[in-house]
Amino acid sequence: MPSAGPTSAHTPRGRPPAQPLTHAARDRISTEGLLLPAAPDLSHLLASERYAATAELLAPPADSPPYAEFIDQVRSFLDHTAQVSGSPLPDATQDTDGTPQVWVLGSSAGESAEAAGRRGLRFGANYHVAPSNALDAVEHYRSHFVPHEHLERPTVMVSAEVLVADSHTEAERLAHGYDTWVHSIRSGEGAIPYPRPGEAAALTGDKRRLVEDRVRTRFVGTPGEVIEHLRVLQRATGADELLISTITHDPAARLRSYELLAESWDAKTPRT
């Protein structure tokens, strides 16, 4: 996720009914109006030297456990039940307050979503980086959810990339260069510093198509405009929480974006 100091906003709970979609092979639109854009072809990344180097550095050892088993190992360390050769670790019997919640992040209806559901864990759907598959990932998680004593119902967080300003014009100005920044990552070249307004020319052709899904699903505008988009995202996914990230060239503008969104969200959310 972008290093934008993400925050979360709580939303009403509840799973929505199954959503009929259209144009499944291309752009899809949920009943609520959430855009699920056609996914770009990222196969070229496999030929990138940077991608190959990263994959080599992060490649798990040959004897690594399956992903689902790895999740179990992490949980055992967090809840102090881990054992080695049948014996508990030295601190495994100590009482510990504030054990962190375990969330599993997923970008598609795949192993992550299924593993989280079967273990009764919380699930984070990656709309801001992989918007095409977010709704499928959430539904896959819910369809495999098994209640556990620590979590009785599916619990979902959905990420969104937003940029809020006092006026729509200012938000659009601050948003300039986002396509170039995303392209630097997806091309395999590596992330560039976020361009200042006017520094980067708008992308066209194949370069634009490579980032179109990200640009079209970034919520940019005034607090009211962005919140309207976030409400659609929440209704379509039934999200319990929204994970918000913001990136632009100016840290002060990013902070202001969070402030405006938080103030307006709080004002528009009924007290319970």
Protein backbone atom coordinates (compact mmCIF):
# COMPACT_ATOMS: atom_id res chain seq x y z
CA MET A 1 0.00 0.00 0.00
CA PRO A 2 1.25 3.53 -0.55
CA SER A 3 3.13 4.95 2.41
CA ALA A 4 0.37 7.45 3.03
CA GLY A 5 -0.34 6.83 6.69
CA PRO A 6 -3.65 5.01 6.12
CA THR A 7 -6.56 5.45 8.50
CA SER A 8 -9.90 3.73 8.78
CA ALA A 9 -13.49 4.87 8.97
CA HIS A 10 -16.16 2.67 10.54
CA THR A 11 -19.29 2.01 8.54
CA PRO A 12 -22.60 0.23 9.17
CA ARG A 13 -22.28 -3.53 9.24
CA GLY A 14 -24.12 -6.11 7.23
CA ARG A 15 -23.64 -8.24 4.19
CA PRO A 16 -25.32 -6.98 1.02
CA PRO A 17 -27.31 -9.28 -1.23
CA ALA A 18 -25.54 -10.86 -4.18
CA GLN A 19 -24.82 -8.18 -6.74
CA PRO A 20 -25.67 -8.78 -10.41
CA LEU A 21 -22.88 -7.50 -12.64
CA THR A 22 -22.69 -6.66 -16.31
CA HIS A 23 -19.89 -6.90 -18.90
CA ALA A 24 -17.94 -9.36 -16.75
CA ALA A 25 -15.16 -9.64 -19.34
CA ARG A 26 -14.66 -5.87 -19.30
CA ASP A 27 -15.75 -3.14 -16.92
CA ARG A 28 -18.35 -4.25 -14.40
CA ILE A 29 -20.78 -2.10 -12.44
CA SER A 30 -22.46 -3.31 -9.24
CA THR A 31 -26.10 -2.54 -8.51
CA GLU A 32 -24.94 0.26 -6.20
CA GLY A 33 -22.86 1.79 -8.98
CA LEU A 34 -19.39 0.64 -7.88
CA LEU A 35 -16.95 0.45 -10.76
CA LEU A 36 -15.04 -2.82 -11.10
CA PRO A 37 -12.81 -1.97 -14.05
CA ALA A 38 -11.26 -4.38 -16.49
CA ALA A 39 -7.94 -5.60 -15.12
CA PRO A 40 -4.80 -4.56 -17.02
CA ASP A 41 -2.30 -7.06 -18.40
CA LEU A 42 0.64 -7.02 -15.99
CA SER A 43 2.46 -10.03 -17.44
CA HIS A 44 5.28 -7.76 -18.61
CA LEU A 45 6.37 -7.41 -14.99
CA LEU A 46 7.67 -10.96 -15.12
CA ALA A 47 10.37 -9.75 -17.52
CA SER A 48 11.38 -6.82 -15.33
CA GLU A 49 14.82 -7.06 -13.73
CA ARG A 50 13.52 -5.24 -10.67
CA TYR A 51 10.62 -7.66 -10.33
CA ALA A 52 12.94 -10.64 -10.73
CA ALA A 53 15.31 -9.28 -8.07
CA THR A 54 12.45 -8.60 -5.68
CA ALA A 55 10.99 -12.06 -6.23
CA GLU A 56 14.37 -13.64 -5.53
CA LEU A 57 14.83 -11.66 -2.32
CA LEU A 58 11.33 -12.44 -1.06
CA ALA A 59 11.12 -16.02 -2.28
CA PRO A 60 10.24 -18.34 0.62
CA PRO A 61 12.59 -21.23 1.41
CA ALA A 62 11.84 -24.52 -0.27
CA ASP A 63 10.69 -26.01 3.04
CA SER A 64 8.28 -23.17 3.85
CA PRO A 65 4.82 -24.26 5.00
CA PRO A 66 1.73 -23.66 2.83
CA TYR A 67 0.24 -20.19 3.18
CA ALA A 68 -2.67 -21.27 5.36
CA GLU A 69 -0.31 -23.10 7.69
CA PHE A 70 1.90 -20.03 7.84
CA ILE A 71 -1.11 -18.01 9.03
CA ASP A 72 -1.63 -20.58 11.79
CA GLN A 73 1.99 -20.24 12.86
CA VAL A 74 1.76 -16.46 13.05
CA ARG A 75 -1.42 -16.70 15.12
CA SER A 76 0.19 -19.16 17.52
CA PHE A 77 3.00 -16.70 18.21
CA LEU A 78 0.56 -13.84 18.72
CA ASP A 79 -1.67 -15.74 21.13
CA HIS A 80 1.27 -17.42 22.91
CA THR A 81 0.35 -20.99 22.02
CA ALA A 82 3.35 -21.68 19.78
CA GLN A 83 5.27 -24.88 20.43
CA VAL A 84 8.59 -26.32 19.35
CA SER A 85 8.91 -30.11 19.26
CA GLY A 86 5.74 -30.37 21.31
CA SER A 87 6.87 -28.00 24.04
CA PRO A 88 5.57 -24.45 24.55
CA LEU A 89 7.91 -21.54 23.98
CA PRO A 90 9.28 -19.93 27.17
CA ASP A 91 6.66 -17.16 27.22
CA ALA A 92 3.80 -19.16 25.76
CA THR A 93 1.98 -19.44 29.09
CA GLN A 94 2.28 -15.78 30.03
CA ASP A 95 -0.88 -13.70 30.09
CA THR A 96 -0.66 -10.85 27.59
CA ASP A 97 -3.10 -8.00 27.16
CA GLY A 98 -3.72 -6.38 23.82
CA THR A 99 -3.12 -9.31 21.48
CA PRO A 100 -3.37 -7.77 17.99
CA GLN A 101 -6.20 -8.67 15.66
CA VAL A 102 -5.21 -10.83 12.71
CA TRP A 103 -6.31 -9.55 9.31
CA VAL A 104 -5.60 -11.32 6.03
CA LEU A 105 -5.19 -9.11 2.98
CA GLY A 106 -6.38 -10.35 -0.40
CA SER A 107 -6.57 -9.00 -3.94
CA SER A 108 -8.70 -11.72 -5.53
CA ALA A 109 -11.04 -14.63 -4.87
CA GLY A 110 -8.12 -16.88 -4.04
CA GLU A 111 -6.15 -18.54 -1.30
CA SER A 112 -5.96 -15.54 1.04
CA ALA A 113 -9.73 -14.98 1.07
CA GLU A 114 -10.45 -18.67 1.54
CA ALA A 115 -7.86 -19.14 4.30
CA ALA A 116 -9.21 -16.13 6.20
CA GLY A 117 -12.77 -17.38 5.93
CA ARG A 118 -12.08 -20.96 6.97
CA ARG A 119 -10.15 -19.75 10.03
CA GLY A 120 -12.75 -17.21 11.07
CA LEU A 121 -10.35 -14.31 10.60
CA ARG A 122 -10.92 -10.74 9.47
CA PHE A 123 -10.34 -10.01 5.79
CA GLY A 124 -9.05 -6.93 3.98
CA ALA A 125 -9.99 -6.50 0.31
CA ASN A 126 -7.57 -4.52 -1.84
CA TYR A 127 -9.77 -2.16 -3.90
CA HIS A 128 -7.26 0.67 -4.18
CA VAL A 129 -4.59 -1.44 -5.92
CA ALA A 130 -6.64 -4.25 -7.49
CA PRO A 131 -10.15 -2.81 -7.90
CA SER A 132 -11.21 -5.32 -10.55
CA ASN A 133 -11.34 -8.23 -8.12
CA ALA A 134 -12.30 -6.60 -4.83
CA LEU A 135 -15.97 -7.60 -4.79
CA ASP A 136 -15.16 -11.16 -5.88
CA ALA A 137 -12.57 -11.41 -3.09
CA VAL A 138 -15.08 -10.28 -0.47
CA GLU A 139 -17.76 -12.70 -1.65
CA HIS A 140 -15.23 -15.55 -1.74
CA TYR A 141 -14.21 -14.81 1.83
CA ARG A 142 -17.80 -14.70 3.05
CA SER A 143 -18.73 -17.91 1.23
CA HIS A 144 -15.95 -19.76 3.07
CA PHE A 145 -16.41 -18.14 6.47
CA VAL A 146 -16.64 -20.47 9.45
CA PRO A 147 -17.64 -18.82 12.75
CA HIS A 148 -15.15 -19.10 15.60
CA GLU A 149 -15.36 -18.09 19.23
CA HIS A 150 -13.17 -15.05 18.56
CA LEU A 151 -15.21 -13.95 15.52
CA GLU A 152 -18.79 -15.01 14.97
CA ARG A 153 -19.48 -13.25 11.65
CA PRO A 154 -17.47 -12.25 8.58
CA THR A 155 -15.67 -8.96 9.09
CA VAL A 156 -14.38 -7.03 6.10
CA MET A 157 -12.18 -4.01 5.55
CA VAL A 158 -11.89 -2.51 2.06
CA SER A 159 -9.13 -0.15 0.98
CA ALA A 160 -9.66 2.98 -1.12
CA GLU A 161 -7.33 5.61 -2.57
CA VAL A 162 -8.74 9.11 -2.03
CA LEU A 163 -7.68 12.72 -2.34
CA VAL A 164 -9.79 15.41 -0.68
CA ALA A 165 -9.43 19.20 -0.92
CA ASP A 166 -11.51 22.26 -0.10
CA SER A 167 -12.62 22.54 -3.73
CA HIS A 168 -12.95 20.09 -6.61
CA THR A 169 -10.57 22.19 -8.70
CA GLU A 170 -7.88 22.05 -6.01
CA ALA A 171 -8.34 18.30 -5.60
CA GLU A 172 -7.90 17.78 -9.33
CA ARG A 173 -4.77 19.94 -9.29
CA LEU A 174 -3.27 17.90 -6.46
CA ALA A 175 -4.25 14.67 -8.21
CA HIS A 176 -2.17 15.54 -11.27
CA GLY A 177 0.65 13.09 -11.88
CA TYR A 178 -1.02 10.09 -10.26
CA ASP A 179 -1.10 8.19 -13.55
CA THR A 180 2.63 8.76 -14.05
CA TRP A 181 3.39 7.66 -10.50
CA VAL A 182 1.35 4.44 -10.81
CA HIS A 183 2.92 3.76 -14.20
CA SER A 184 6.40 3.93 -12.71
CA ILE A 185 5.43 1.03 -10.44
CA ARG A 186 3.49 -1.06 -12.91
CA SER A 187 6.08 -0.69 -15.65
CA GLY A 188 8.57 -2.43 -13.38
CA GLU A 189 10.87 0.57 -13.27
CA GLY A 190 10.22 1.37 -9.60
CA ALA A 191 8.24 4.12 -7.89
CA ILE A 192 9.28 7.67 -8.71
CA PRO A 193 8.77 10.66 -6.39
CA TYR A 194 5.17 11.83 -6.79
CA PRO A 195 5.24 14.60 -9.46
CA ARG A 196 4.34 18.15 -8.55
CA PRO A 197 1.39 19.66 -10.44
CA GLY A 198 2.49 20.46 -13.98
CA GLU A 199 5.67 18.36 -13.86
CA ALA A 200 4.27 15.28 -15.59
CA ALA A 201 2.48 15.09 -18.91
CA ALA A 202 -0.71 13.03 -19.00
CA LEU A 203 -0.16 9.48 -20.21
CA THR A 204 -1.68 8.23 -23.45
CA GLY A 205 -2.00 4.99 -25.38
CA ASP A 206 -0.66 1.78 -23.85
CA LYS A 207 0.86 3.64 -20.91
CA ARG A 208 -2.52 5.08 -19.98
CA ARG A 209 -4.27 1.72 -20.39
CA LEU A 210 -1.79 0.16 -17.98
CA VAL A 211 -2.99 2.45 -15.14
CA GLU A 212 -6.56 3.21 -16.20
CA ASP A 213 -8.15 0.98 -13.55
CA ARG A 214 -6.29 2.76 -10.74
CA VAL A 215 -6.99 6.26 -12.04
CA ARG A 216 -10.71 5.63 -12.53
CA THR A 217 -11.20 4.16 -9.06
CA ARG A 218 -9.35 6.87 -7.15
CA PHE A 219 -11.85 9.10 -5.35
CA VAL A 220 -10.92 12.75 -5.89
CA GLY A 221 -12.89 15.86 -4.92
CA THR A 222 -14.48 17.73 -2.05
CA PRO A 223 -15.32 15.92 1.20
CA GLY A 224 -18.93 15.46 0.14
CA GLU A 225 -17.99 14.09 -3.28
CA VAL A 226 -15.48 11.62 -1.90
CA ILE A 227 -17.77 10.44 0.88
CA GLU A 228 -20.48 9.74 -1.68
CA HIS A 229 -18.04 7.43 -3.51
CA LEU A 230 -16.98 5.78 -0.26
CA ARG A 231 -20.61 5.12 0.67
CA VAL A 232 -21.09 3.34 -2.65
CA LEU A 233 -17.98 1.26 -1.98
CA GLN A 234 -19.24 0.40 1.50
CA ARG A 235 -22.72 -0.56 0.29
CA ALA A 236 -21.42 -2.69 -2.56
CA THR A 237 -18.98 -4.62 -0.39
CA GLY A 238 -20.79 -4.53 2.94
CA ALA A 239 -17.51 -3.33 4.47
CA ASP A 240 -17.30 -2.98 8.23
CA GLU A 241 -14.36 -0.60 7.84
CA LEU A 242 -12.74 1.42 5.09
CA LEU A 243 -8.96 1.72 4.94
CA ILE A 244 -8.10 5.08 3.41
CA SER A 245 -4.81 5.98 1.75
CA THR A 246 -3.86 9.30 0.18
CA ILE A 247 -0.85 10.27 -1.86
CA THR A 248 0.18 13.52 -3.52
CA HIS A 249 3.36 15.58 -3.79
CA ASP A 250 2.77 17.70 -0.68
CA PRO A 251 2.66 16.09 2.81
CA ALA A 252 0.64 19.06 4.08
CA ALA A 253 -1.98 18.45 1.37
CA ARG A 254 -2.15 14.79 2.35
CA LEU A 255 -2.70 15.70 5.98
CA ARG A 256 -5.37 18.23 4.97
CA SER A 257 -7.08 15.54 2.91
CA TYR A 258 -7.33 13.28 5.94
CA GLU A 259 -8.57 16.11 8.13
CA LEU A 260 -11.29 17.15 5.69
CA LEU A 261 -12.45 13.58 5.22
CA ALA A 262 -12.48 12.80 8.93
CA GLU A 263 -14.37 15.97 9.83
CA SER A 264 -16.98 15.51 7.13
CA TRP A 265 -17.37 11.76 7.72
CA ASP A 266 -17.92 12.33 11.41
CA ALA A 267 -20.49 15.03 10.70
CA LYS A 268 -22.41 12.84 8.24
CA THR A 269 -22.34 9.59 10.25
CA PRO A 270 -25.33 9.19 12.64
CA ARG A 271 -24.49 8.54 16.27
CA THR A 272 -25.61 5.17 17.62
